[in-house]
Amino acid sequence: MTAPILRTPDQILHAALEKETSARDFYAELAHHCHVDFVKELLVQLQIEEEKHAALIRKALARLGS
């Protein structure tokens, strides 16, 4: 399966947002099942970082009017 061709800023940002939210959810799920405190803390931090990235992308989409 080949990735779709992303040509416009809107398409690119929507694809990036999807990746960031997927990564955020991935880290959240791992953290939920992790019982080693320092690993769980790392996973939560990674989840938070991904949400920050998603927020930046949402702001850029708003600037585009998307």
PDB file of N, CA and C in Angstrom:
ATOM      1  N   MET A   1       0.855  -1.181   0.000  1.00  0.00           N
ATOM      2  CA  MET A   1       0.000   0.000   0.000  1.00  0.00           C
ATOM      3  C   MET A   1       0.896   1.238   0.000  1.00  0.00           C
ATOM      4  N   THR A   2       0.681   2.112  -0.940  1.00  0.00           N
ATOM      5  CA  THR A   2       1.466   3.335  -1.031  1.00  0.00           C
ATOM      6  C   THR A   2       0.743   4.475  -0.343  1.00  0.00           C
ATOM      7  N   ALA A   3       1.524   5.370   0.213  1.00  0.00           N
ATOM      8  CA  ALA A   3       0.957   6.535   0.882  1.00  0.00           C
ATOM      9  C   ALA A   3       0.373   7.477  -0.162  1.00  0.00           C
ATOM     10  N   PRO A   4      -0.706   8.164   0.203  1.00  0.00           N
ATOM     11  CA  PRO A   4      -1.277   9.126  -0.740  1.00  0.00           C
ATOM     12  C   PRO A   4      -0.289  10.267  -0.987  1.00  0.00           C
ATOM     13  N   ILE A   5      -0.381  10.844  -2.152  1.00  0.00           N
ATOM     14  CA  ILE A   5       0.463  11.989  -2.471  1.00  0.00           C
ATOM     15  C   ILE A   5      -0.154  13.225  -1.829  1.00  0.00           C
ATOM     16  N   LEU A   6       0.638  13.858  -0.997  1.00  0.00           N
ATOM     17  CA  LEU A   6       0.174  15.039  -0.286  1.00  0.00           C
ATOM     18  C   LEU A   6       0.774  16.257  -0.972  1.00  0.00           C
ATOM     19  N   ARG A   7      -0.065  17.098  -1.509  1.00  0.00           N
ATOM     20  CA  ARG A   7       0.415  18.220  -2.305  1.00  0.00           C
ATOM     21  C   ARG A   7       0.157  19.580  -1.676  1.00  0.00           C
ATOM     22  N   THR A   8      -0.973  19.727  -1.036  1.00  0.00           N
ATOM     23  CA  THR A   8      -1.327  21.049  -0.509  1.00  0.00           C
ATOM     24  C   THR A   8      -0.963  21.133   0.973  1.00  0.00           C
ATOM     25  N   PRO A   9      -0.753  22.347   1.456  1.00  0.00           N
ATOM     26  CA  PRO A   9      -0.487  22.501   2.889  1.00  0.00           C
ATOM     27  C   PRO A   9      -1.597  21.894   3.749  1.00  0.00           C
ATOM     28  N   ASP A  10      -2.824  22.037   3.307  1.00  0.00           N
ATOM     29  CA  ASP A  10      -3.963  21.474   4.017  1.00  0.00           C
ATOM     30  C   ASP A  10      -3.845  19.950   4.114  1.00  0.00           C
ATOM     31  N   GLN A  11      -3.567  19.299   3.004  1.00  0.00           N
ATOM     32  CA  GLN A  11      -3.414  17.836   2.995  1.00  0.00           C
ATOM     33  C   GLN A  11      -2.257  17.404   3.891  1.00  0.00           C
ATOM     34  N   ILE A  12      -1.155  18.113   3.796  1.00  0.00           N
ATOM     35  CA  ILE A  12       0.037  17.780   4.574  1.00  0.00           C
ATOM     36  C   ILE A  12      -0.250  17.914   6.070  1.00  0.00           C
ATOM     37  N   LEU A  13      -0.858  19.012   6.452  1.00  0.00           N
ATOM     38  CA  LEU A  13      -1.136  19.224   7.872  1.00  0.00           C
ATOM     39  C   LEU A  13      -2.162  18.250   8.423  1.00  0.00           C
ATOM     40  N   HIS A  14      -3.172  17.925   7.644  1.00  0.00           N
ATOM     41  CA  HIS A  14      -4.158  16.934   8.103  1.00  0.00           C
ATOM     42  C   HIS A  14      -3.502  15.562   8.283  1.00  0.00           C
ATOM     43  N   ALA A  15      -2.609  15.186   7.376  1.00  0.00           N
ATOM     44  CA  ALA A  15      -1.891  13.912   7.507  1.00  0.00           C
ATOM     45  C   ALA A  15      -0.989  13.939   8.740  1.00  0.00           C
ATOM     46  N   ALA A  16      -0.317  15.051   8.956  1.00  0.00           N
ATOM     47  CA  ALA A  16       0.554  15.184  10.119  1.00  0.00           C
ATOM     48  C   ALA A  16      -0.257  15.113  11.414  1.00  0.00           C
ATOM     49  N   LEU A  17      -1.410  15.759  11.433  1.00  0.00           N
ATOM     50  CA  LEU A  17      -2.268  15.729  12.618  1.00  0.00           C
ATOM     51  C   LEU A  17      -2.717  14.307  12.926  1.00  0.00           C
ATOM     52  N   GLU A  18      -3.056  13.569  11.900  1.00  0.00           N
ATOM     53  CA  GLU A  18      -3.461  12.176  12.086  1.00  0.00           C
ATOM     54  C   GLU A  18      -2.327  11.362  12.716  1.00  0.00           C
ATOM     55  N   LYS A  19      -1.106  11.562  12.235  1.00  0.00           N
ATOM     56  CA  LYS A  19       0.053  10.843  12.787  1.00  0.00           C
ATOM     57  C   LYS A  19       0.297  11.225  14.243  1.00  0.00           C
ATOM     58  N   GLU A  20       0.199  12.512  14.550  1.00  0.00           N
ATOM     59  CA  GLU A  20       0.442  12.970  15.921  1.00  0.00           C
ATOM     60  C   GLU A  20      -0.610  12.421  16.881  1.00  0.00           C
ATOM     61  N   THR A  21      -1.878  12.452  16.488  1.00  0.00           N
ATOM     62  CA  THR A  21      -2.918  11.947  17.382  1.00  0.00           C
ATOM     63  C   THR A  21      -2.824  10.434  17.527  1.00  0.00           C
ATOM     64  N   SER A  22      -2.426   9.764  16.467  1.00  0.00           N
ATOM     65  CA  SER A  22      -2.219   8.317  16.549  1.00  0.00           C
ATOM     66  C   SER A  22      -1.078   7.987  17.507  1.00  0.00           C
ATOM     67  N   ALA A  23       0.002   8.735  17.413  1.00  0.00           N
ATOM     68  CA  ALA A  23       1.145   8.521  18.306  1.00  0.00           C
ATOM     69  C   ALA A  23       0.752   8.824  19.755  1.00  0.00           C
ATOM     70  N   ARG A  24      -0.003   9.911  19.954  1.00  0.00           N
ATOM     71  CA  ARG A  24      -0.471  10.256  21.307  1.00  0.00           C
ATOM     72  C   ARG A  24      -1.291   9.121  21.904  1.00  0.00           C
ATOM     73  N   ASP A  25      -2.214   8.601  21.121  1.00  0.00           N
ATOM     74  CA  ASP A  25      -3.060   7.506  21.596  1.00  0.00           C
ATOM     75  C   ASP A  25      -2.251   6.240  21.851  1.00  0.00           C
ATOM     76  N   PHE A  26      -1.248   5.991  21.022  1.00  0.00           N
ATOM     77  CA  PHE A  26      -0.370   4.841  21.184  1.00  0.00           C
ATOM     78  C   PHE A  26       0.357   4.919  22.527  1.00  0.00           C
ATOM     79  N   TYR A  27       0.959   6.070  22.821  1.00  0.00           N
ATOM     80  CA  TYR A  27       1.677   6.231  24.083  1.00  0.00           C
ATOM     81  C   TYR A  27       0.723   6.153  25.274  1.00  0.00           C
ATOM     82  N   ALA A  28      -0.477   6.690  25.142  1.00  0.00           N
ATOM     83  CA  ALA A  28      -1.461   6.630  26.223  1.00  0.00           C
ATOM     84  C   ALA A  28      -1.839   5.185  26.523  1.00  0.00           C
ATOM     85  N   GLU A  29      -2.039   4.404  25.482  1.00  0.00           N
ATOM     86  CA  GLU A  29      -2.402   2.996  25.672  1.00  0.00           C
ATOM     87  C   GLU A  29      -1.259   2.229  26.335  1.00  0.00           C
ATOM     88  N   LEU A  30      -0.042   2.465  25.892  1.00  0.00           N
ATOM     89  CA  LEU A  30       1.109   1.801  26.512  1.00  0.00           C
ATOM     90  C   LEU A  30       1.237   2.195  27.979  1.00  0.00           C
ATOM     91  N   ALA A  31       1.082   3.481  28.276  1.00  0.00           N
ATOM     92  CA  ALA A  31       1.189   3.957  29.653  1.00  0.00           C
ATOM     93  C   ALA A  31       0.124   3.314  30.539  1.00  0.00           C
ATOM     94  N   HIS A  32      -1.057   3.166  29.990  1.00  0.00           N
ATOM     95  CA  HIS A  32      -2.167   2.567  30.735  1.00  0.00           C
ATOM     96  C   HIS A  32      -1.836   1.151  31.199  1.00  0.00           C
ATOM     97  N   HIS A  33      -1.100   0.419  30.402  1.00  0.00           N
ATOM     98  CA  HIS A  33      -0.789  -0.979  30.710  1.00  0.00           C
ATOM     99  C   HIS A  33       0.572  -1.176  31.368  1.00  0.00           C
ATOM    100  N   CYS A  34       1.326  -0.102  31.535  1.00  0.00           N
ATOM    101  CA  CYS A  34       2.674  -0.211  32.082  1.00  0.00           C
ATOM    102  C   CYS A  34       2.650  -0.129  33.609  1.00  0.00           C
ATOM    103  N   HIS A  35       3.386  -1.018  34.259  1.00  0.00           N
ATOM    104  CA  HIS A  35       3.409  -1.047  35.717  1.00  0.00           C
ATOM    105  C   HIS A  35       4.774  -0.680  36.292  1.00  0.00           C
ATOM    106  N   VAL A  36       5.676  -0.242  35.449  1.00  0.00           N
ATOM    107  CA  VAL A  36       6.987   0.222  35.905  1.00  0.00           C
ATOM    108  C   VAL A  36       6.938   1.749  35.898  1.00  0.00           C
ATOM    109  N   ASP A  37       7.031   2.327  37.081  1.00  0.00           N
ATOM    110  CA  ASP A  37       6.783   3.761  37.232  1.00  0.00           C
ATOM    111  C   ASP A  37       7.594   4.645  36.296  1.00  0.00           C
ATOM    112  N   PHE A  38       8.902   4.445  36.221  1.00  0.00           N
ATOM    113  CA  PHE A  38       9.710   5.357  35.404  1.00  0.00           C
ATOM    114  C   PHE A  38       9.415   5.196  33.916  1.00  0.00           C
ATOM    115  N   VAL A  39       9.034   4.002  33.495  1.00  0.00           N
ATOM    116  CA  VAL A  39       8.665   3.798  32.093  1.00  0.00           C
ATOM    117  C   VAL A  39       7.301   4.438  31.826  1.00  0.00           C
ATOM    118  N   LYS A  40       6.378   4.254  32.762  1.00  0.00           N
ATOM    119  CA  LYS A  40       5.057   4.860  32.618  1.00  0.00           C
ATOM    120  C   LYS A  40       5.170   6.377  32.546  1.00  0.00           C
ATOM    121  N   GLU A  41       6.016   6.977  33.392  1.00  0.00           N
ATOM    122  CA  GLU A  41       6.213   8.424  33.382  1.00  0.00           C
ATOM    123  C   GLU A  41       6.761   8.889  32.029  1.00  0.00           C
ATOM    124  N   LEU A  42       7.689   8.137  31.478  1.00  0.00           N
ATOM    125  CA  LEU A  42       8.232   8.471  30.158  1.00  0.00           C
ATOM    126  C   LEU A  42       7.132   8.412  29.101  1.00  0.00           C
ATOM    127  N   LEU A  43       6.334   7.376  29.130  1.00  0.00           N
ATOM    128  CA  LEU A  43       5.262   7.228  28.147  1.00  0.00           C
ATOM    129  C   LEU A  43       4.240   8.361  28.256  1.00  0.00           C
ATOM    130  N   VAL A  44       3.929   8.775  29.468  1.00  0.00           N
ATOM    131  CA  VAL A  44       3.006   9.895  29.664  1.00  0.00           C
ATOM    132  C   VAL A  44       3.620  11.175  29.114  1.00  0.00           C
ATOM    133  N   GLN A  45       4.911  11.376  29.357  1.00  0.00           N
ATOM    134  CA  GLN A  45       5.589  12.561  28.815  1.00  0.00           C
ATOM    135  C   GLN A  45       5.556  12.564  27.286  1.00  0.00           C
ATOM    136  N   LEU A  46       5.782  11.410  26.693  1.00  0.00           N
ATOM    137  CA  LEU A  46       5.727  11.309  25.232  1.00  0.00           C
ATOM    138  C   LEU A  46       4.321  11.604  24.720  1.00  0.00           C
ATOM    139  N   GLN A  47       3.334  11.125  25.445  1.00  0.00           N
ATOM    140  CA  GLN A  47       1.939  11.412  25.089  1.00  0.00           C
ATOM    141  C   GLN A  47       1.691  12.922  25.114  1.00  0.00           C
ATOM    142  N   ILE A  48       2.160  13.582  26.148  1.00  0.00           N
ATOM    143  CA  ILE A  48       1.986  15.034  26.283  1.00  0.00           C
ATOM    144  C   ILE A  48       2.678  15.768  25.133  1.00  0.00           C
ATOM    145  N   GLU A  49       3.870  15.330  24.778  1.00  0.00           N
ATOM    146  CA  GLU A  49       4.604  15.963  23.674  1.00  0.00           C
ATOM    147  C   GLU A  49       3.848  15.819  22.357  1.00  0.00           C
ATOM    148  N   GLU A  50       3.297  14.651  22.120  1.00  0.00           N
ATOM    149  CA  GLU A  50       2.536  14.441  20.885  1.00  0.00           C
ATOM    150  C   GLU A  50       1.313  15.348  20.848  1.00  0.00           C
ATOM    151  N   GLU A  51       0.668  15.558  21.991  1.00  0.00           N
ATOM    152  CA  GLU A  51      -0.490  16.450  22.031  1.00  0.00           C
ATOM    153  C   GLU A  51      -0.061  17.888  21.758  1.00  0.00           C
ATOM    154  N   LYS A  52       1.122  18.284  22.242  1.00  0.00           N
ATOM    155  CA  LYS A  52       1.635  19.623  21.934  1.00  0.00           C
ATOM    156  C   LYS A  52       1.851  19.775  20.431  1.00  0.00           C
ATOM    157  N   HIS A  53       2.402  18.750  19.808  1.00  0.00           N
ATOM    158  CA  HIS A  53       2.613  18.786  18.353  1.00  0.00           C
ATOM    159  C   HIS A  53       1.265  18.921  17.639  1.00  0.00           C
ATOM    160  N   ALA A  54       0.281  18.142  18.090  1.00  0.00           N
ATOM    161  CA  ALA A  54      -1.048  18.198  17.469  1.00  0.00           C
ATOM    162  C   ALA A  54      -1.646  19.597  17.607  1.00  0.00           C
ATOM    163  N   ALA A  55      -1.447  20.231  18.761  1.00  0.00           N
ATOM    164  CA  ALA A  55      -1.978  21.588  18.974  1.00  0.00           C
ATOM    165  C   ALA A  55      -1.331  22.581  18.009  1.00  0.00           C
ATOM    166  N   LEU A  56      -0.025  22.440  17.787  1.00  0.00           N
ATOM    167  CA  LEU A  56       0.658  23.317  16.827  1.00  0.00           C
ATOM    168  C   LEU A  56       0.086  23.145  15.424  1.00  0.00           C
ATOM    169  N   ILE A  57      -0.183  21.920  15.054  1.00  0.00           N
ATOM    170  CA  ILE A  57      -0.738  21.639  13.722  1.00  0.00           C
ATOM    171  C   ILE A  57      -2.152  22.204  13.612  1.00  0.00           C
ATOM    172  N   ARG A  58      -2.945  22.040  14.662  1.00  0.00           N
ATOM    173  CA  ARG A  58      -4.303  22.602  14.650  1.00  0.00           C
ATOM    174  C   ARG A  58      -4.267  24.119  14.466  1.00  0.00           C
ATOM    175  N   LYS A  59      -3.324  24.782  15.120  1.00  0.00           N
ATOM    176  CA  LYS A  59      -3.183  26.235  14.960  1.00  0.00           C
ATOM    177  C   LYS A  59      -2.833  26.590  13.517  1.00  0.00           C
ATOM    178  N   ALA A  60      -1.936  25.807  12.922  1.00  0.00           N
ATOM    179  CA  ALA A  60      -1.564  26.063  11.521  1.00  0.00           C
ATOM    180  C   ALA A  60      -2.758  25.836  10.604  1.00  0.00           C
ATOM    181  N   LEU A  61      -3.543  24.802  10.878  1.00  0.00           N
ATOM    182  CA  LEU A  61      -4.748  24.561  10.078  1.00  0.00           C
ATOM    183  C   LEU A  61      -5.736  25.714  10.221  1.00  0.00           C
ATOM    184  N   ALA A  62      -5.858  26.239  11.422  1.00  0.00           N
ATOM    185  CA  ALA A  62      -6.760  27.378  11.630  1.00  0.00           C
ATOM    186  C   ALA A  62      -6.294  28.586  10.820  1.00  0.00           C
ATOM    187  N   ARG A  63      -4.992  28.785  10.760  1.00  0.00           N
ATOM    188  CA  ARG A  63      -4.458  29.901   9.963  1.00  0.00           C
ATOM    189  C   ARG A  63      -4.777  29.727   8.494  1.00  0.00           C
ATOM    190  N   LEU A  64      -4.823  28.476   8.049  1.00  0.00           N
ATOM    191  CA  LEU A  64      -5.165  28.193   6.647  1.00  0.00           C
ATOM    192  C   LEU A  64      -6.669  28.290   6.405  1.00  0.00           C
ATOM    193  N   GLY A  65      -7.424  28.296   7.496  1.00  0.00           N
ATOM    194  CA  GLY A  65      -8.880  28.302   7.367  1.00  0.00           C
ATOM    195  C   GLY A  65      -9.452  26.930   7.136  1.00  0.00           C
ATOM    196  N   SER A  66      -8.709  25.905   7.542  1.00  0.00           N
ATOM    197  CA  SER A  66      -9.165  24.514   7.347  1.00  0.00           C
ATOM    198  C   SER A  66      -9.821  23.959   8.571  1.00  0.00           C
TER     199      SER A  66
END
